[in-house]
């Protein structure tokens, strides 16, 4: 596995399923004290408050990570971020996934698209979203299968989960 920039701490697990390096972000992390990460996480908090005012029961908790994929052609196999539930009761499980892409010069040849399996009455519809800079994707953590396609150029995304 190609080495990431020095501020990325750990390889993603399980290693057989994914090829990224992770930096877990906490409120007192030094990288969060200045923009753009401080601004992005403040926006995530605003989104969390907005979502909590809807029918989704959230406890006000969240966790965030920055994921780095090298240009090695590795991605992250199809998965869900948690076990599905109907969201009607408070839970300690992830409820909402929010992903923001941080790839200022992304081109189609770079790869790293997010493949989504959307449930339909007759099976699944598969779509792919480009990791364009500033793109925000929000979905129910336990209901959407997704996969990071192989990346052939450095790819960075910040993901926050709300519960």
C-alpha atoms as a PDB file:
ATOM      1  CA  UNK A   1       0.000   0.000   0.000  1.00  0.00           C
ATOM      2  CA  UNK A   2       1.363   3.411  -0.952  1.00  0.00           C
ATOM      3  CA  UNK A   3       2.206   5.649   2.010  1.00  0.00           C
ATOM      4  CA  UNK A   4      -0.168   8.577   2.632  1.00  0.00           C
ATOM      5  CA  UNK A   5       0.743  12.144   3.570  1.00  0.00           C
ATOM      6  CA  UNK A   6       2.256  12.204   7.093  1.00  0.00           C
ATOM      7  CA  UNK A   7      -0.870  13.454   8.881  1.00  0.00           C
ATOM      8  CA  UNK A   8      -2.932  10.358   7.984  1.00  0.00           C
ATOM      9  CA  UNK A   9      -2.659   7.971  10.865  1.00  0.00           C
ATOM     10  CA  UNK A  10      -3.994   4.487  10.199  1.00  0.00           C
ATOM     11  CA  UNK A  11      -4.897   2.267   7.281  1.00  0.00           C
ATOM     12  CA  UNK A  12      -8.618   1.588   6.938  1.00  0.00           C
ATOM     13  CA  UNK A  13      -9.870  -1.768   8.211  1.00  0.00           C
ATOM     14  CA  UNK A  14     -10.658  -4.402   7.157  1.00  0.00           C
ATOM     15  CA  UNK A  15      -7.638  -4.295   4.835  1.00  0.00           C
ATOM     16  CA  UNK A  16      -9.107  -6.866   2.437  1.00  0.00           C
ATOM     17  CA  UNK A  17     -12.120  -4.619   1.809  1.00  0.00           C
ATOM     18  CA  UNK A  18     -10.547  -1.180   1.574  1.00  0.00           C
ATOM     19  CA  UNK A  19      -7.328   0.601   0.665  1.00  0.00           C
ATOM     20  CA  UNK A  20      -7.627   4.026   2.291  1.00  0.00           C
ATOM     21  CA  UNK A  21      -5.766   5.735   5.129  1.00  0.00           C
ATOM     22  CA  UNK A  22      -7.781   7.420   7.882  1.00  0.00           C
ATOM     23  CA  UNK A  23      -7.464  10.452  10.069  1.00  0.00           C
ATOM     24  CA  UNK A  24     -10.137  10.404  12.790  1.00  0.00           C
ATOM     25  CA  UNK A  25     -11.184  13.973  13.506  1.00  0.00           C
ATOM     26  CA  UNK A  26     -12.046  15.183  16.985  1.00  0.00           C
ATOM     27  CA  UNK A  27     -13.070  18.664  18.071  1.00  0.00           C
ATOM     28  CA  UNK A  28      -9.664  19.311  19.651  1.00  0.00           C
ATOM     29  CA  UNK A  29      -7.621  17.958  16.735  1.00  0.00           C
ATOM     30  CA  UNK A  30      -5.036  20.536  15.569  1.00  0.00           C
ATOM     31  CA  UNK A  31      -6.126  20.246  11.912  1.00  0.00           C
ATOM     32  CA  UNK A  32      -9.607  21.419  12.878  1.00  0.00           C
ATOM     33  CA  UNK A  33      -8.567  24.714  14.386  1.00  0.00           C
ATOM     34  CA  UNK A  34      -8.401  26.492  11.029  1.00  0.00           C
ATOM     35  CA  UNK A  35     -10.325  26.507   7.770  1.00  0.00           C
ATOM     36  CA  UNK A  36     -11.311  24.677   5.712  1.00  0.00           C
ATOM     37  CA  UNK A  37     -11.896  21.759   8.100  1.00  0.00           C
ATOM     38  CA  UNK A  38     -13.258  23.923  10.921  1.00  0.00           C
ATOM     39  CA  UNK A  39     -15.794  25.447   8.513  1.00  0.00           C
ATOM     40  CA  UNK A  40     -16.780  22.067   7.087  1.00  0.00           C
ATOM     41  CA  UNK A  41     -17.351  20.506  10.503  1.00  0.00           C
ATOM     42  CA  UNK A  42     -19.383  23.544  11.583  1.00  0.00           C
ATOM     43  CA  UNK A  43     -21.582  22.975   8.501  1.00  0.00           C
ATOM     44  CA  UNK A  44     -21.920  19.311   9.464  1.00  0.00           C
ATOM     45  CA  UNK A  45     -23.134  20.366  12.926  1.00  0.00           C
ATOM     46  CA  UNK A  46     -25.727  22.654  11.317  1.00  0.00           C
ATOM     47  CA  UNK A  47     -26.870  19.768   9.103  1.00  0.00           C
ATOM     48  CA  UNK A  48     -27.136  17.519  12.157  1.00  0.00           C
ATOM     49  CA  UNK A  49     -29.378  20.048  13.951  1.00  0.00           C
ATOM     50  CA  UNK A  50     -31.552  20.396  10.847  1.00  0.00           C
ATOM     51  CA  UNK A  51     -31.899  16.620  10.478  1.00  0.00           C
ATOM     52  CA  UNK A  52     -32.715  16.213  14.173  1.00  0.00           C
ATOM     53  CA  UNK A  53     -35.691  18.550  13.708  1.00  0.00           C
ATOM     54  CA  UNK A  54     -37.199  16.095  11.188  1.00  0.00           C
ATOM     55  CA  UNK A  55     -38.696  12.650  11.774  1.00  0.00           C
ATOM     56  CA  UNK A  56     -35.244  11.085  12.240  1.00  0.00           C
ATOM     57  CA  UNK A  57     -34.432  10.555  15.895  1.00  0.00           C
ATOM     58  CA  UNK A  58     -30.841  11.622  16.511  1.00  0.00           C
ATOM     59  CA  UNK A  59     -29.106  11.788  19.887  1.00  0.00           C
ATOM     60  CA  UNK A  60     -26.814  14.654  18.909  1.00  0.00           C
ATOM     61  CA  UNK A  61     -23.694  12.508  18.573  1.00  0.00           C
ATOM     62  CA  UNK A  62     -21.325  12.391  15.608  1.00  0.00           C
ATOM     63  CA  UNK A  63     -17.926  11.121  14.515  1.00  0.00           C
ATOM     64  CA  UNK A  64     -15.819  12.297  11.595  1.00  0.00           C
ATOM     65  CA  UNK A  65     -12.951  10.969   9.555  1.00  0.00           C
ATOM     66  CA  UNK A  66     -10.877  12.080   6.614  1.00  0.00           C
ATOM     67  CA  UNK A  67     -10.074   9.264   4.182  1.00  0.00           C
ATOM     68  CA  UNK A  68      -7.176   9.334   1.734  1.00  0.00           C
ATOM     69  CA  UNK A  69      -6.895   6.989  -1.248  1.00  0.00           C
ATOM     70  CA  UNK A  70      -3.554   6.923  -3.036  1.00  0.00           C
ATOM     71  CA  UNK A  71      -3.223   6.598  -6.782  1.00  0.00           C
ATOM     72  CA  UNK A  72      -2.773   2.829  -6.498  1.00  0.00           C
ATOM     73  CA  UNK A  73      -6.057   1.685  -8.073  1.00  0.00           C
ATOM     74  CA  UNK A  74      -7.517   0.606  -4.728  1.00  0.00           C
ATOM     75  CA  UNK A  75     -11.031   1.433  -3.503  1.00  0.00           C
ATOM     76  CA  UNK A  76     -13.454   0.173  -0.848  1.00  0.00           C
ATOM     77  CA  UNK A  77     -15.728  -2.788  -1.537  1.00  0.00           C
ATOM     78  CA  UNK A  78     -19.523  -2.626  -1.356  1.00  0.00           C
ATOM     79  CA  UNK A  79     -20.777  -2.102   2.198  1.00  0.00           C
ATOM     80  CA  UNK A  80     -23.244  -0.310   4.467  1.00  0.00           C
ATOM     81  CA  UNK A  81     -22.155   1.984   7.285  1.00  0.00           C
ATOM     82  CA  UNK A  82     -24.324   0.272   9.912  1.00  0.00           C
ATOM     83  CA  UNK A  83     -27.115  -2.258  10.432  1.00  0.00           C
ATOM     84  CA  UNK A  84     -30.481  -1.043   9.056  1.00  0.00           C
ATOM     85  CA  UNK A  85     -33.225   0.127  11.406  1.00  0.00           C
ATOM     86  CA  UNK A  86     -36.377   2.151  10.919  1.00  0.00           C
ATOM     87  CA  UNK A  87     -35.074   5.214  12.796  1.00  0.00           C
ATOM     88  CA  UNK A  88     -38.143   5.470  15.008  1.00  0.00           C
ATOM     89  CA  UNK A  89     -36.289   4.962  18.311  1.00  0.00           C
ATOM     90  CA  UNK A  90     -33.114   6.572  19.668  1.00  0.00           C
ATOM     91  CA  UNK A  91     -30.034   4.473  18.948  1.00  0.00           C
ATOM     92  CA  UNK A  92     -26.272   4.459  19.464  1.00  0.00           C
ATOM     93  CA  UNK A  93     -25.838   3.268  15.872  1.00  0.00           C
ATOM     94  CA  UNK A  94     -24.973   5.538  12.960  1.00  0.00           C
ATOM     95  CA  UNK A  95     -28.141   6.926  11.387  1.00  0.00           C
ATOM     96  CA  UNK A  96     -26.974   9.444   8.783  1.00  0.00           C
ATOM     97  CA  UNK A  97     -23.825   9.478   6.641  1.00  0.00           C
ATOM     98  CA  UNK A  98     -22.574  12.792   5.204  1.00  0.00           C
ATOM     99  CA  UNK A  99     -19.630  12.809   2.772  1.00  0.00           C
ATOM    100  CA  UNK A 100     -17.863  15.860   1.345  1.00  0.00           C
ATOM    101  CA  UNK A 101     -15.287  15.440  -1.418  1.00  0.00           C
ATOM    102  CA  UNK A 102     -12.045  17.439  -1.274  1.00  0.00           C
ATOM    103  CA  UNK A 103     -10.470  16.835  -4.696  1.00  0.00           C
ATOM    104  CA  UNK A 104      -9.884  20.236  -6.320  1.00  0.00           C
ATOM    105  CA  UNK A 105      -8.572  18.964  -9.649  1.00  0.00           C
ATOM    106  CA  UNK A 106     -10.635  15.798 -10.027  1.00  0.00           C
ATOM    107  CA  UNK A 107     -10.938  14.421 -13.585  1.00  0.00           C
ATOM    108  CA  UNK A 108     -12.831  11.295 -14.811  1.00  0.00           C
ATOM    109  CA  UNK A 109      -9.523   9.468 -15.409  1.00  0.00           C
ATOM    110  CA  UNK A 110      -8.752   9.783 -11.675  1.00  0.00           C
ATOM    111  CA  UNK A 111     -11.452   7.268 -10.726  1.00  0.00           C
ATOM    112  CA  UNK A 112     -12.610   7.015  -7.108  1.00  0.00           C
ATOM    113  CA  UNK A 113     -16.302   7.396  -7.946  1.00  0.00           C
ATOM    114  CA  UNK A 114     -18.865   6.398  -5.328  1.00  0.00           C
ATOM    115  CA  UNK A 115     -21.068   3.590  -6.624  1.00  0.00           C
ATOM    116  CA  UNK A 116     -24.531   3.450  -5.005  1.00  0.00           C
ATOM    117  CA  UNK A 117     -27.114   0.672  -5.050  1.00  0.00           C
ATOM    118  CA  UNK A 118     -30.543   2.323  -4.890  1.00  0.00           C
ATOM    119  CA  UNK A 119     -33.392   0.024  -3.857  1.00  0.00           C
ATOM    120  CA  UNK A 120     -36.295  -0.252  -6.270  1.00  0.00           C
ATOM    121  CA  UNK A 121     -39.424  -2.372  -6.305  1.00  0.00           C
ATOM    122  CA  UNK A 122     -37.863  -4.554  -9.013  1.00  0.00           C
ATOM    123  CA  UNK A 123     -34.327  -4.823  -7.625  1.00  0.00           C
ATOM    124  CA  UNK A 124     -31.545  -2.242  -7.579  1.00  0.00           C
ATOM    125  CA  UNK A 125     -30.506   0.683  -9.710  1.00  0.00           C
ATOM    126  CA  UNK A 126     -26.759   1.296  -9.699  1.00  0.00           C
ATOM    127  CA  UNK A 127     -25.438   4.841 -10.111  1.00  0.00           C
ATOM    128  CA  UNK A 128     -21.984   6.358  -9.793  1.00  0.00           C
ATOM    129  CA  UNK A 129     -21.220   9.809  -8.399  1.00  0.00           C
ATOM    130  CA  UNK A 130     -17.988  11.606  -9.224  1.00  0.00           C
ATOM    131  CA  UNK A 131     -15.948  12.821  -6.217  1.00  0.00           C
ATOM    132  CA  UNK A 132     -16.080  16.416  -7.449  1.00  0.00           C
ATOM    133  CA  UNK A 133     -14.719  19.123  -5.140  1.00  0.00           C
ATOM    134  CA  UNK A 134     -17.240  20.373  -2.614  1.00  0.00           C
ATOM    135  CA  UNK A 135     -19.873  17.741  -3.462  1.00  0.00           C
ATOM    136  CA  UNK A 136     -21.935  16.805  -0.394  1.00  0.00           C
ATOM    137  CA  UNK A 137     -23.771  13.492  -0.239  1.00  0.00           C
ATOM    138  CA  UNK A 138     -26.160  12.633   2.626  1.00  0.00           C
ATOM    139  CA  UNK A 139     -27.885   9.266   3.064  1.00  0.00           C
ATOM    140  CA  UNK A 140     -29.312   6.883   5.657  1.00  0.00           C
ATOM    141  CA  UNK A 141     -26.337   4.915   6.967  1.00  0.00           C
ATOM    142  CA  UNK A 142     -28.052   1.530   7.213  1.00  0.00           C
ATOM    143  CA  UNK A 143     -30.073   1.603   4.012  1.00  0.00           C
ATOM    144  CA  UNK A 144     -27.661   2.373   1.180  1.00  0.00           C
ATOM    145  CA  UNK A 145     -25.028  -0.033  -0.106  1.00  0.00           C
ATOM    146  CA  UNK A 146     -22.077   1.868  -1.528  1.00  0.00           C
ATOM    147  CA  UNK A 147     -18.558   1.294  -2.811  1.00  0.00           C
ATOM    148  CA  UNK A 148     -15.544   3.481  -3.602  1.00  0.00           C
ATOM    149  CA  UNK A 149     -14.343   2.593  -7.089  1.00  0.00           C
ATOM    150  CA  UNK A 150     -10.588   2.231  -7.673  1.00  0.00           C
ATOM    151  CA  UNK A 151      -8.713   5.527  -7.410  1.00  0.00           C
ATOM    152  CA  UNK A 152      -5.904   6.358  -9.845  1.00  0.00           C
ATOM    153  CA  UNK A 153      -5.129   9.790  -8.403  1.00  0.00           C
ATOM    154  CA  UNK A 154      -5.055  10.924  -4.765  1.00  0.00           C
ATOM    155  CA  UNK A 155      -8.629  11.143  -3.448  1.00  0.00           C
ATOM    156  CA  UNK A 156      -9.760  12.736  -0.177  1.00  0.00           C
ATOM    157  CA  UNK A 157     -13.180  12.760   1.445  1.00  0.00           C
ATOM    158  CA  UNK A 158     -14.446  13.871   4.853  1.00  0.00           C
ATOM    159  CA  UNK A 159     -17.209  11.673   6.237  1.00  0.00           C
ATOM    160  CA  UNK A 160     -19.331  12.377   9.298  1.00  0.00           C
ATOM    161  CA  UNK A 161     -21.850  10.003  10.810  1.00  0.00           C
ATOM    162  CA  UNK A 162     -24.718  11.262  12.952  1.00  0.00           C
ATOM    163  CA  UNK A 163     -26.728   9.316  15.531  1.00  0.00           C
END
